[in-house]
Amino acid sequence: MKVRVYRKSGDIEYPEILVDELCTTEAVGIEKGKCFLYDKGINKLVYDMEVRYSGLLNPNDIVFVDDSSIGESFYARVKSISISGQSNDGAFDISQNITIERFLDE
C-alpha cells in the first residue's frame, strides 16, 4: 500500500512515499499513513497545559479539550505528561502538565 500526500499550496514539501508491505488492507494503510503524517508534524498544533489531577493520563490517550480562552472545543492526543504535587495547609494538591497535539483537517 502506498500513501501519498497532496497539498493545496506548494509551500510545504510533501513527504516521501510510504511503502509498507505489511499494510494489506485499506483501513490499516490509512491508519499507518495518518501516524506517519502526524509524526512528521503535518497539520497539527501543539499545546502545553496544566490540568487538575482527575485520573492518570498516558501518552497517546485521546482527550477532549473545551478551552473557553480560545473559544474552541476539540479532541487531541497526549504526547507527554508530568505530575507534580504540593502540600497546601495539610492538603496535597496534584496537577498534571501535559503536552497535547491537535490534528487539523485542513
PDB file of N, CA and C in Angstrom:
ATOM      1  N   MET A   1       0.850  -1.166   0.000  1.00  0.00           N
ATOM      2  CA  MET A   1       0.000   0.000   0.000  1.00  0.00           C
ATOM      3  C   MET A   1       0.898   1.232   0.000  1.00  0.00           C
ATOM      4  N   LYS A   2       0.590   2.212  -0.826  1.00  0.00           N
ATOM      5  CA  LYS A   2       1.328   3.471  -0.879  1.00  0.00           C
ATOM      6  C   LYS A   2       0.426   4.585  -0.382  1.00  0.00           C
ATOM      7  N   VAL A   3       0.991   5.470   0.413  1.00  0.00           N
ATOM      8  CA  VAL A   3       0.247   6.627   0.896  1.00  0.00           C
ATOM      9  C   VAL A   3       0.924   7.870   0.327  1.00  0.00           C
ATOM     10  N   ARG A   4       0.173   8.667  -0.399  1.00  0.00           N
ATOM     11  CA  ARG A   4       0.695   9.897  -0.976  1.00  0.00           C
ATOM     12  C   ARG A   4      -0.038  11.080  -0.372  1.00  0.00           C
ATOM     13  N   VAL A   5       0.676  12.173  -0.224  1.00  0.00           N
ATOM     14  CA  VAL A   5       0.093  13.385   0.342  1.00  0.00           C
ATOM     15  C   VAL A   5       0.077  14.458  -0.729  1.00  0.00           C
ATOM     16  N   TYR A   6      -1.076  15.081  -0.925  1.00  0.00           N
ATOM     17  CA  TYR A   6      -1.205  16.180  -1.872  1.00  0.00           C
ATOM     18  C   TYR A   6      -1.649  17.414  -1.106  1.00  0.00           C
ATOM     19  N   ARG A   7      -1.059  18.542  -1.420  1.00  0.00           N
ATOM     20  CA  ARG A   7      -1.360  19.783  -0.721  1.00  0.00           C
ATOM     21  C   ARG A   7      -1.955  20.792  -1.683  1.00  0.00           C
ATOM     22  N   LYS A   8      -2.726  21.724  -1.112  1.00  0.00           N
ATOM     23  CA  LYS A   8      -3.303  22.787  -1.921  1.00  0.00           C
ATOM     24  C   LYS A   8      -2.242  23.780  -2.369  1.00  0.00           C
ATOM     25  N   SER A   9      -1.393  24.198  -1.416  1.00  0.00           N
ATOM     26  CA  SER A   9      -0.351  25.156  -1.768  1.00  0.00           C
ATOM     27  C   SER A   9       0.991  24.439  -1.844  1.00  0.00           C
ATOM     28  N   GLY A  10       1.934  25.038  -2.494  1.00  0.00           N
ATOM     29  CA  GLY A  10       3.241  24.416  -2.666  1.00  0.00           C
ATOM     30  C   GLY A  10       4.269  24.863  -1.652  1.00  0.00           C
ATOM     31  N   ASP A  11       3.827  25.454  -0.534  1.00  0.00           N
ATOM     32  CA  ASP A  11       4.786  25.982   0.425  1.00  0.00           C
ATOM     33  C   ASP A  11       5.344  24.936   1.386  1.00  0.00           C
ATOM     34  N   ILE A  12       4.739  23.746   1.429  1.00  0.00           N
ATOM     35  CA  ILE A  12       5.229  22.684   2.305  1.00  0.00           C
ATOM     36  C   ILE A  12       5.622  21.498   1.435  1.00  0.00           C
ATOM     37  N   GLU A  13       6.853  21.062   1.612  1.00  0.00           N
ATOM     38  CA  GLU A  13       7.325  19.917   0.842  1.00  0.00           C
ATOM     39  C   GLU A  13       6.590  18.664   1.306  1.00  0.00           C
ATOM     40  N   TYR A  14       6.118  17.858   0.372  1.00  0.00           N
ATOM     41  CA  TYR A  14       5.392  16.675   0.808  1.00  0.00           C
ATOM     42  C   TYR A  14       6.367  15.540   1.083  1.00  0.00           C
ATOM     43  N   PRO A  15       6.028  14.687   2.050  1.00  0.00           N
ATOM     44  CA  PRO A  15       6.972  13.646   2.455  1.00  0.00           C
ATOM     45  C   PRO A  15       7.156  12.579   1.385  1.00  0.00           C
ATOM     46  N   GLU A  16       8.191  11.790   1.586  1.00  0.00           N
ATOM     47  CA  GLU A  16       8.462  10.695   0.658  1.00  0.00           C
ATOM     48  C   GLU A  16       7.293   9.719   0.650  1.00  0.00           C
ATOM     49  N   ILE A  17       7.207   8.925  -0.381  1.00  0.00           N
ATOM     50  CA  ILE A  17       6.141   7.931  -0.473  1.00  0.00           C
ATOM     51  C   ILE A  17       6.405   6.846   0.569  1.00  0.00           C
ATOM     52  N   LEU A  18       5.385   6.509   1.312  1.00  0.00           N
ATOM     53  CA  LEU A  18       5.482   5.487   2.349  1.00  0.00           C
ATOM     54  C   LEU A  18       5.057   4.150   1.749  1.00  0.00           C
ATOM     55  N   VAL A  19       5.933   3.184   1.816  1.00  0.00           N
ATOM     56  CA  VAL A  19       5.628   1.846   1.310  1.00  0.00           C
ATOM     57  C   VAL A  19       5.809   0.867   2.454  1.00  0.00           C
ATOM     58  N   ASP A  20       4.778   0.095   2.736  1.00  0.00           N
ATOM     59  CA  ASP A  20       4.836  -0.899   3.801  1.00  0.00           C
ATOM     60  C   ASP A  20       4.119  -2.154   3.312  1.00  0.00           C
ATOM     61  N   GLU A  21       4.872  -3.214   3.116  1.00  0.00           N
ATOM     62  CA  GLU A  21       4.320  -4.463   2.592  1.00  0.00           C
ATOM     63  C   GLU A  21       3.363  -5.140   3.585  1.00  0.00           C
ATOM     64  N   LEU A  22       3.429  -4.751   4.880  1.00  0.00           N
ATOM     65  CA  LEU A  22       2.561  -5.360   5.878  1.00  0.00           C
ATOM     66  C   LEU A  22       1.160  -4.756   5.891  1.00  0.00           C
ATOM     67  N   CYS A  23       0.987  -3.623   5.234  1.00  0.00           N
ATOM     68  CA  CYS A  23      -0.337  -2.990   5.154  1.00  0.00           C
ATOM     69  C   CYS A  23      -1.102  -3.645   4.005  1.00  0.00           C
ATOM     70  N   THR A  24      -1.887  -4.645   4.349  1.00  0.00           N
ATOM     71  CA  THR A  24      -2.550  -5.422   3.308  1.00  0.00           C
ATOM     72  C   THR A  24      -4.006  -5.033   3.097  1.00  0.00           C
ATOM     73  N   THR A  25      -4.555  -4.178   3.967  1.00  0.00           N
ATOM     74  CA  THR A  25      -5.927  -3.712   3.777  1.00  0.00           C
ATOM     75  C   THR A  25      -5.948  -2.191   3.763  1.00  0.00           C
ATOM     76  N   GLU A  26      -6.985  -1.635   3.202  1.00  0.00           N
ATOM     77  CA  GLU A  26      -7.096  -0.183   3.094  1.00  0.00           C
ATOM     78  C   GLU A  26      -7.130   0.494   4.462  1.00  0.00           C
ATOM     79  N   ALA A  27      -7.885  -0.061   5.406  1.00  0.00           N
ATOM     80  CA  ALA A  27      -8.014   0.550   6.735  1.00  0.00           C
ATOM     81  C   ALA A  27      -6.668   0.612   7.453  1.00  0.00           C
ATOM     82  N   VAL A  28      -5.890  -0.462   7.387  1.00  0.00           N
ATOM     83  CA  VAL A  28      -4.576  -0.486   8.025  1.00  0.00           C
ATOM     84  C   VAL A  28      -3.655   0.524   7.350  1.00  0.00           C
ATOM     85  N   GLY A  29      -3.722   0.611   6.041  1.00  0.00           N
ATOM     86  CA  GLY A  29      -2.897   1.563   5.306  1.00  0.00           C
ATOM     87  C   GLY A  29      -3.230   3.004   5.655  1.00  0.00           C
ATOM     88  N   ILE A  30      -4.502   3.302   5.801  1.00  0.00           N
ATOM     89  CA  ILE A  30      -4.923   4.662   6.157  1.00  0.00           C
ATOM     90  C   ILE A  30      -4.401   5.026   7.537  1.00  0.00           C
ATOM     91  N   GLU A  31      -4.533   4.121   8.500  1.00  0.00           N
ATOM     92  CA  GLU A  31      -4.050   4.398   9.857  1.00  0.00           C
ATOM     93  C   GLU A  31      -2.536   4.557   9.879  1.00  0.00           C
ATOM     94  N   LYS A  32      -1.834   3.727   9.132  1.00  0.00           N
ATOM     95  CA  LYS A  32      -0.369   3.831   9.048  1.00  0.00           C
ATOM     96  C   LYS A  32       0.015   5.174   8.435  1.00  0.00           C
ATOM     97  N   GLY A  33      -0.706   5.595   7.418  1.00  0.00           N
ATOM     98  CA  GLY A  33      -0.441   6.892   6.794  1.00  0.00           C
ATOM     99  C   GLY A  33      -0.705   8.046   7.732  1.00  0.00           C
ATOM    100  N   LYS A  34      -1.782   7.976   8.504  1.00  0.00           N
ATOM    101  CA  LYS A  34      -2.082   9.025   9.481  1.00  0.00           C
ATOM    102  C   LYS A  34      -0.968   9.143  10.513  1.00  0.00           C
ATOM    103  N   CYS A  35      -0.529   8.000  11.050  1.00  0.00           N
ATOM    104  CA  CYS A  35       0.555   8.013  12.039  1.00  0.00           C
ATOM    105  C   CYS A  35       1.821   8.618  11.448  1.00  0.00           C
ATOM    106  N   PHE A  36       2.120   8.273  10.214  1.00  0.00           N
ATOM    107  CA  PHE A  36       3.296   8.817   9.531  1.00  0.00           C
ATOM    108  C   PHE A  36       3.207  10.340   9.420  1.00  0.00           C
ATOM    109  N   LEU A  37       2.059  10.829   8.984  1.00  0.00           N
ATOM    110  CA  LEU A  37       1.879  12.271   8.822  1.00  0.00           C
ATOM    111  C   LEU A  37       1.909  12.992  10.158  1.00  0.00           C
ATOM    112  N   TYR A  38       1.270  12.432  11.175  1.00  0.00           N
ATOM    113  CA  TYR A  38       1.239  13.057  12.485  1.00  0.00           C
ATOM    114  C   TYR A  38       2.644  13.141  13.065  1.00  0.00           C
ATOM    115  N   ASP A  39       3.432  12.076  12.910  1.00  0.00           N
ATOM    116  CA  ASP A  39       4.793  12.076  13.437  1.00  0.00           C
ATOM    117  C   ASP A  39       5.693  13.072  12.714  1.00  0.00           C
ATOM    118  N   LYS A  40       5.381  13.372  11.451  1.00  0.00           N
ATOM    119  CA  LYS A  40       6.170  14.347  10.691  1.00  0.00           C
ATOM    120  C   LYS A  40       5.757  15.784  10.999  1.00  0.00           C
ATOM    121  N   GLY A  41       4.716  15.954  11.805  1.00  0.00           N
ATOM    122  CA  GLY A  41       4.301  17.305  12.195  1.00  0.00           C
ATOM    123  C   GLY A  41       3.421  18.009  11.189  1.00  0.00           C
ATOM    124  N   ILE A  42       2.762  17.270  10.346  1.00  0.00           N
ATOM    125  CA  ILE A  42       1.954  17.870   9.299  1.00  0.00           C
ATOM    126  C   ILE A  42       0.546  18.113   9.817  1.00  0.00           C
ATOM    127  N   ASN A  43       0.066  19.343   9.660  1.00  0.00           N
ATOM    128  CA  ASN A  43      -1.300  19.718  10.030  1.00  0.00           C
ATOM    129  C   ASN A  43      -1.634  19.455  11.493  1.00  0.00           C
ATOM    130  N   LYS A  44      -0.770  19.919  12.403  1.00  0.00           N
ATOM    131  CA  LYS A  44      -1.073  19.766  13.811  1.00  0.00           C
ATOM    132  C   LYS A  44      -0.609  20.989  14.592  1.00  0.00           C
ATOM    133  N   LEU A  45      -1.265  21.200  15.716  1.00  0.00           N
ATOM    134  CA  LEU A  45      -0.881  22.237  16.659  1.00  0.00           C
ATOM    135  C   LEU A  45      -0.522  21.550  17.970  1.00  0.00           C
ATOM    136  N   VAL A  46       0.467  22.092  18.678  1.00  0.00           N
ATOM    137  CA  VAL A  46       0.911  21.519  19.939  1.00  0.00           C
ATOM    138  C   VAL A  46       0.622  22.508  21.056  1.00  0.00           C
ATOM    139  N   TYR A  47       0.022  22.018  22.135  1.00  0.00           N
ATOM    140  CA  TYR A  47      -0.314  22.840  23.288  1.00  0.00           C
ATOM    141  C   TYR A  47       0.349  22.254  24.533  1.00  0.00           C
ATOM    142  N   ASP A  48       0.849  23.115  25.402  1.00  0.00           N
ATOM    143  CA  ASP A  48       1.306  22.721  26.733  1.00  0.00           C
ATOM    144  C   ASP A  48       0.325  23.305  27.724  1.00  0.00           C
ATOM    145  N   MET A  49      -0.165  22.487  28.656  1.00  0.00           N
ATOM    146  CA  MET A  49      -1.137  22.994  29.619  1.00  0.00           C
ATOM    147  C   MET A  49      -1.028  22.263  30.942  1.00  0.00           C
ATOM    148  N   GLU A  50      -1.498  22.917  31.986  1.00  0.00           N
ATOM    149  CA  GLU A  50      -1.573  22.313  33.303  1.00  0.00           C
ATOM    150  C   GLU A  50      -3.033  22.023  33.604  1.00  0.00           C
ATOM    151  N   VAL A  51      -3.305  20.806  34.044  1.00  0.00           N
ATOM    152  CA  VAL A  51      -4.681  20.404  34.356  1.00  0.00           C
ATOM    153  C   VAL A  51      -4.717  19.796  35.750  1.00  0.00           C
ATOM    154  N   ARG A  52      -5.868  19.931  36.410  1.00  0.00           N
ATOM    155  CA  ARG A  52      -6.053  19.291  37.712  1.00  0.00           C
ATOM    156  C   ARG A  52      -6.026  17.791  37.548  1.00  0.00           C
ATOM    157  N   TYR A  53      -5.473  17.143  38.534  1.00  0.00           N
ATOM    158  CA  TYR A  53      -5.420  15.681  38.504  1.00  0.00           C
ATOM    159  C   TYR A  53      -6.809  15.116  38.760  1.00  0.00           C
ATOM    160  N   SER A  54      -7.334  14.391  37.797  1.00  0.00           N
ATOM    161  CA  SER A  54      -8.626  13.727  37.980  1.00  0.00           C
ATOM    162  C   SER A  54      -8.534  12.275  37.527  1.00  0.00           C
ATOM    163  N   GLY A  55      -7.332  11.816  37.358  1.00  0.00           N
ATOM    164  CA  GLY A  55      -7.064  10.459  36.884  1.00  0.00           C
ATOM    165  C   GLY A  55      -5.819  10.508  36.014  1.00  0.00           C
ATOM    166  N   LEU A  56      -5.102   9.423  35.994  1.00  0.00           N
ATOM    167  CA  LEU A  56      -3.842   9.382  35.269  1.00  0.00           C
ATOM    168  C   LEU A  56      -4.061   9.417  33.762  1.00  0.00           C
ATOM    169  N   LEU A  57      -3.381  10.328  33.099  1.00  0.00           N
ATOM    170  CA  LEU A  57      -3.347  10.370  31.636  1.00  0.00           C
ATOM    171  C   LEU A  57      -2.067   9.694  31.178  1.00  0.00           C
ATOM    172  N   ASN A  58      -2.121   9.039  30.051  1.00  0.00           N
ATOM    173  CA  ASN A  58      -0.954   8.356  29.490  1.00  0.00           C
ATOM    174  C   ASN A  58      -0.672   8.883  28.099  1.00  0.00           C
ATOM    175  N   PRO A  59       0.588   8.822  27.656  1.00  0.00           N
ATOM    176  CA  PRO A  59       0.888   9.208  26.274  1.00  0.00           C
ATOM    177  C   PRO A  59       0.023   8.404  25.304  1.00  0.00           C
ATOM    178  N   ASN A  60      -0.429   9.072  24.264  1.00  0.00           N
ATOM    179  CA  ASN A  60      -1.296   8.537  23.202  1.00  0.00           C
ATOM    180  C   ASN A  60      -2.765   8.444  23.599  1.00  0.00           C
ATOM    181  N   ASP A  61      -3.124   8.830  24.833  1.00  0.00           N
ATOM    182  CA  ASP A  61      -4.541   8.929  25.181  1.00  0.00           C
ATOM    183  C   ASP A  61      -5.171  10.040  24.353  1.00  0.00           C
ATOM    184  N   ILE A  62      -6.431   9.874  24.014  1.00  0.00           N
ATOM    185  CA  ILE A  62      -7.188  10.919  23.329  1.00  0.00           C
ATOM    186  C   ILE A  62      -8.007  11.662  24.376  1.00  0.00           C
ATOM    187  N   VAL A  63      -7.868  12.992  24.419  1.00  0.00           N
ATOM    188  CA  VAL A  63      -8.567  13.808  25.407  1.00  0.00           C
ATOM    189  C   VAL A  63      -9.443  14.831  24.692  1.00  0.00           C
ATOM    190  N   PHE A  64     -10.510  15.242  25.369  1.00  0.00           N
ATOM    191  CA  PHE A  64     -11.388  16.281  24.854  1.00  0.00           C
ATOM    192  C   PHE A  64     -11.032  17.579  25.563  1.00  0.00           C
ATOM    193  N   VAL A  65     -10.781  18.646  24.792  1.00  0.00           N
ATOM    194  CA  VAL A  65     -10.404  19.939  25.341  1.00  0.00           C
ATOM    195  C   VAL A  65     -11.519  20.928  25.027  1.00  0.00           C
ATOM    196  N   ASP A  66     -12.008  21.581  26.065  1.00  0.00           N
ATOM    197  CA  ASP A  66     -13.014  22.638  25.918  1.00  0.00           C
ATOM    198  C   ASP A  66     -12.378  23.898  26.474  1.00  0.00           C
ATOM    199  N   ASP A  67     -11.784  24.704  25.610  1.00  0.00           N
ATOM    200  CA  ASP A  67     -10.995  25.864  26.016  1.00  0.00           C
ATOM    201  C   ASP A  67     -11.753  27.154  25.732  1.00  0.00           C
ATOM    202  N   SER A  68     -12.294  27.759  26.784  1.00  0.00           N
ATOM    203  CA  SER A  68     -13.053  28.998  26.604  1.00  0.00           C
ATOM    204  C   SER A  68     -12.139  30.175  26.266  1.00  0.00           C
ATOM    205  N   SER A  69     -10.839  30.066  26.588  1.00  0.00           N
ATOM    206  CA  SER A  69      -9.934  31.179  26.278  1.00  0.00           C
ATOM    207  C   SER A  69      -9.723  31.358  24.777  1.00  0.00           C
ATOM    208  N   ILE A  70      -9.873  30.265  24.009  1.00  0.00           N
ATOM    209  CA  ILE A  70      -9.771  30.389  22.547  1.00  0.00           C
ATOM    210  C   ILE A  70     -11.120  30.152  21.873  1.00  0.00           C
ATOM    211  N   GLY A  71     -12.119  29.806  22.676  1.00  0.00           N
ATOM    212  CA  GLY A  71     -13.468  29.618  22.143  1.00  0.00           C
ATOM    213  C   GLY A  71     -13.627  28.393  21.272  1.00  0.00           C
ATOM    214  N   GLU A  72     -12.868  27.338  21.573  1.00  0.00           N
ATOM    215  CA  GLU A  72     -12.934  26.126  20.756  1.00  0.00           C
ATOM    216  C   GLU A  72     -12.967  24.879  21.624  1.00  0.00           C
ATOM    217  N   SER A  73     -13.532  23.836  21.075  1.00  0.00           N
ATOM    218  CA  SER A  73     -13.512  22.506  21.677  1.00  0.00           C
ATOM    219  C   SER A  73     -12.973  21.547  20.628  1.00  0.00           C
ATOM    220  N   PHE A  74     -12.131  20.609  21.066  1.00  0.00           N
ATOM    221  CA  PHE A  74     -11.519  19.688  20.113  1.00  0.00           C
ATOM    222  C   PHE A  74     -10.973  18.461  20.829  1.00  0.00           C
ATOM    223  N   TYR A  75     -10.692  17.422  20.059  1.00  0.00           N
ATOM    224  CA  TYR A  75     -10.012  16.240  20.561  1.00  0.00           C
ATOM    225  C   TYR A  75      -8.532  16.369  20.238  1.00  0.00           C
ATOM    226  N   ALA A  76      -7.690  15.836  21.131  1.00  0.00           N
ATOM    227  CA  ALA A  76      -6.249  15.897  20.925  1.00  0.00           C
ATOM    228  C   ALA A  76      -5.599  14.642  21.501  1.00  0.00           C
ATOM    229  N   ARG A  77      -4.368  14.394  21.085  1.00  0.00           N
ATOM    230  CA  ARG A  77      -3.609  13.236  21.566  1.00  0.00           C
ATOM    231  C   ARG A  77      -2.556  13.691  22.563  1.00  0.00           C
ATOM    232  N   VAL A  78      -2.451  13.001  23.688  1.00  0.00           N
ATOM    233  CA  VAL A  78      -1.456  13.321  24.703  1.00  0.00           C
ATOM    234  C   VAL A  78      -0.087  12.853  24.214  1.00  0.00           C
ATOM    235  N   LYS A  79       0.876  13.767  24.184  1.00  0.00           N
ATOM    236  CA  LYS A  79       2.244  13.429  23.762  1.00  0.00           C
ATOM    237  C   LYS A  79       3.145  13.166  24.959  1.00  0.00           C
ATOM    238  N   SER A  80       3.047  14.015  25.994  1.00  0.00           N
ATOM    239  CA  SER A  80       3.883  13.821  27.176  1.00  0.00           C
ATOM    240  C   SER A  80       3.145  14.319  28.403  1.00  0.00           C
ATOM    241  N   ILE A  81       3.618  13.869  29.560  1.00  0.00           N
ATOM    242  CA  ILE A  81       2.948  14.191  30.809  1.00  0.00           C
ATOM    243  C   ILE A  81       3.962  14.245  31.938  1.00  0.00           C
ATOM    244  N   SER A  82       3.744  15.162  32.874  1.00  0.00           N
ATOM    245  CA  SER A  82       4.496  15.168  34.128  1.00  0.00           C
ATOM    246  C   SER A  82       3.506  15.483  35.245  1.00  0.00           C
ATOM    247  N   ILE A  83       3.719  14.859  36.385  1.00  0.00           N
ATOM    248  CA  ILE A  83       2.823  15.037  37.518  1.00  0.00           C
ATOM    249  C   ILE A  83       3.610  15.692  38.640  1.00  0.00           C
ATOM    250  N   SER A  84       2.992  16.694  39.273  1.00  0.00           N
ATOM    251  CA  SER A  84       3.641  17.359  40.397  1.00  0.00           C
ATOM    252  C   SER A  84       2.644  17.486  41.537  1.00  0.00           C
ATOM    253  N   GLY A  85       3.178  17.567  42.756  1.00  0.00           N
ATOM    254  CA  GLY A  85       2.328  17.703  43.924  1.00  0.00           C
ATOM    255  C   GLY A  85       2.890  18.760  44.852  1.00  0.00           C
ATOM    256  N   GLN A  86       1.985  19.334  45.652  1.00  0.00           N
ATOM    257  CA  GLN A  86       2.397  20.383  46.568  1.00  0.00           C
ATOM    258  C   GLN A  86       1.514  20.314  47.812  1.00  0.00           C
ATOM    259  N   SER A  87       2.144  20.412  48.975  1.00  0.00           N
ATOM    260  CA  SER A  87       1.399  20.427  50.216  1.00  0.00           C
ATOM    261  C   SER A  87       0.871  21.835  50.453  1.00  0.00           C
ATOM    262  N   ASN A  88      -0.430  21.923  50.787  1.00  0.00           N
ATOM    263  CA  ASN A  88      -1.053  23.229  50.963  1.00  0.00           C
ATOM    264  C   ASN A  88      -2.000  23.167  52.166  1.00  0.00           C
ATOM    265  N   ASP A  89      -1.555  23.685  53.301  1.00  0.00           N
ATOM    266  CA  ASP A  89      -2.362  23.711  54.526  1.00  0.00           C
ATOM    267  C   ASP A  89      -2.920  22.338  54.891  1.00  0.00           C
ATOM    268  N   GLY A  90      -2.070  21.340  54.893  1.00  0.00           N
ATOM    269  CA  GLY A  90      -2.486  19.999  55.272  1.00  0.00           C
ATOM    270  C   GLY A  90      -3.096  19.185  54.142  1.00  0.00           C
ATOM    271  N   ALA A  91      -3.387  19.811  53.034  1.00  0.00           N
ATOM    272  CA  ALA A  91      -3.913  19.099  51.868  1.00  0.00           C
ATOM    273  C   ALA A  91      -2.786  18.934  50.852  1.00  0.00           C
ATOM    274  N   PHE A  92      -2.949  17.965  49.995  1.00  0.00           N
ATOM    275  CA  PHE A  92      -1.936  17.721  48.965  1.00  0.00           C
ATOM    276  C   PHE A  92      -2.577  17.943  47.603  1.00  0.00           C
ATOM    277  N   ASP A  93      -2.121  18.952  46.872  1.00  0.00           N
ATOM    278  CA  ASP A  93      -2.645  19.272  45.545  1.00  0.00           C
ATOM    279  C   ASP A  93      -1.792  18.597  44.481  1.00  0.00           C
ATOM    280  N   ILE A  94      -2.430  17.897  43.582  1.00  0.00           N
ATOM    281  CA  ILE A  94      -1.730  17.212  42.492  1.00  0.00           C
ATOM    282  C   ILE A  94      -2.165  17.835  41.169  1.00  0.00           C
ATOM    283  N   SER A  95      -1.199  18.132  40.323  1.00  0.00           N
ATOM    284  CA  SER A  95      -1.522  18.659  38.990  1.00  0.00           C
ATOM    285  C   SER A  95      -0.713  17.903  37.944  1.00  0.00           C
ATOM    286  N   GLN A  96      -1.223  17.932  36.729  1.00  0.00           N
ATOM    287  CA  GLN A  96      -0.550  17.289  35.605  1.00  0.00           C
ATOM    288  C   GLN A  96      -0.210  18.345  34.569  1.00  0.00           C
ATOM    289  N   ASN A  97       1.019  18.349  34.115  1.00  0.00           N
ATOM    290  CA  ASN A  97       1.425  19.189  32.985  1.00  0.00           C
ATOM    291  C   ASN A  97       1.478  18.271  31.777  1.00  0.00           C
ATOM    292  N   ILE A  98       0.694  18.614  30.757  1.00  0.00           N
ATOM    293  CA  ILE A  98       0.624  17.744  29.588  1.00  0.00           C
ATOM    294  C   ILE A  98       0.941  18.525  28.321  1.00  0.00           C
ATOM    295  N   THR A  99       1.477  17.816  27.372  1.00  0.00           N
ATOM    296  CA  THR A  99       1.656  18.332  26.018  1.00  0.00           C
ATOM    297  C   THR A  99       0.722  17.529  25.135  1.00  0.00           C
ATOM    298  N   ILE A 100      -0.128  18.245  24.403  1.00  0.00           N
ATOM    299  CA  ILE A 100      -1.093  17.569  23.531  1.00  0.00           C
ATOM    300  C   ILE A 100      -0.913  18.047  22.099  1.00  0.00           C
ATOM    301  N   GLU A 101      -1.317  17.203  21.176  1.00  0.00           N
ATOM    302  CA  GLU A 101      -1.309  17.533  19.749  1.00  0.00           C
ATOM    303  C   GLU A 101      -2.739  17.552  19.239  1.00  0.00           C
ATOM    304  N   ARG A 102      -3.055  18.624  18.562  1.00  0.00           N
ATOM    305  CA  ARG A 102      -4.375  18.748  17.925  1.00  0.00           C
ATOM    306  C   ARG A 102      -4.166  18.628  16.421  1.00  0.00           C
ATOM    307  N   PHE A 103      -4.844  17.690  15.814  1.00  0.00           N
ATOM    308  CA  PHE A 103      -4.687  17.450  14.387  1.00  0.00           C
ATOM    309  C   PHE A 103      -5.760  18.219  13.623  1.00  0.00           C
ATOM    310  N   LEU A 104      -5.333  18.934  12.614  1.00  0.00           N
ATOM    311  CA  LEU A 104      -6.236  19.759  11.817  1.00  0.00           C
ATOM    312  C   LEU A 104      -6.657  18.998  10.579  1.00  0.00           C
ATOM    313  N   ASP A 105      -7.884  19.208  10.160  1.00  0.00           N
ATOM    314  CA  ASP A 105      -8.410  18.500   8.988  1.00  0.00           C
ATOM    315  C   ASP A 105      -8.027  19.178   7.682  1.00  0.00           C
ATOM    316  N   GLU A 106      -7.563  20.382   7.742  1.00  0.00           N
ATOM    317  CA  GLU A 106      -7.287  21.147   6.511  1.00  0.00           C
ATOM    318  C   GLU A 106      -5.989  20.740   5.885  1.00  0.00           C
TER     319      GLU A 106
END
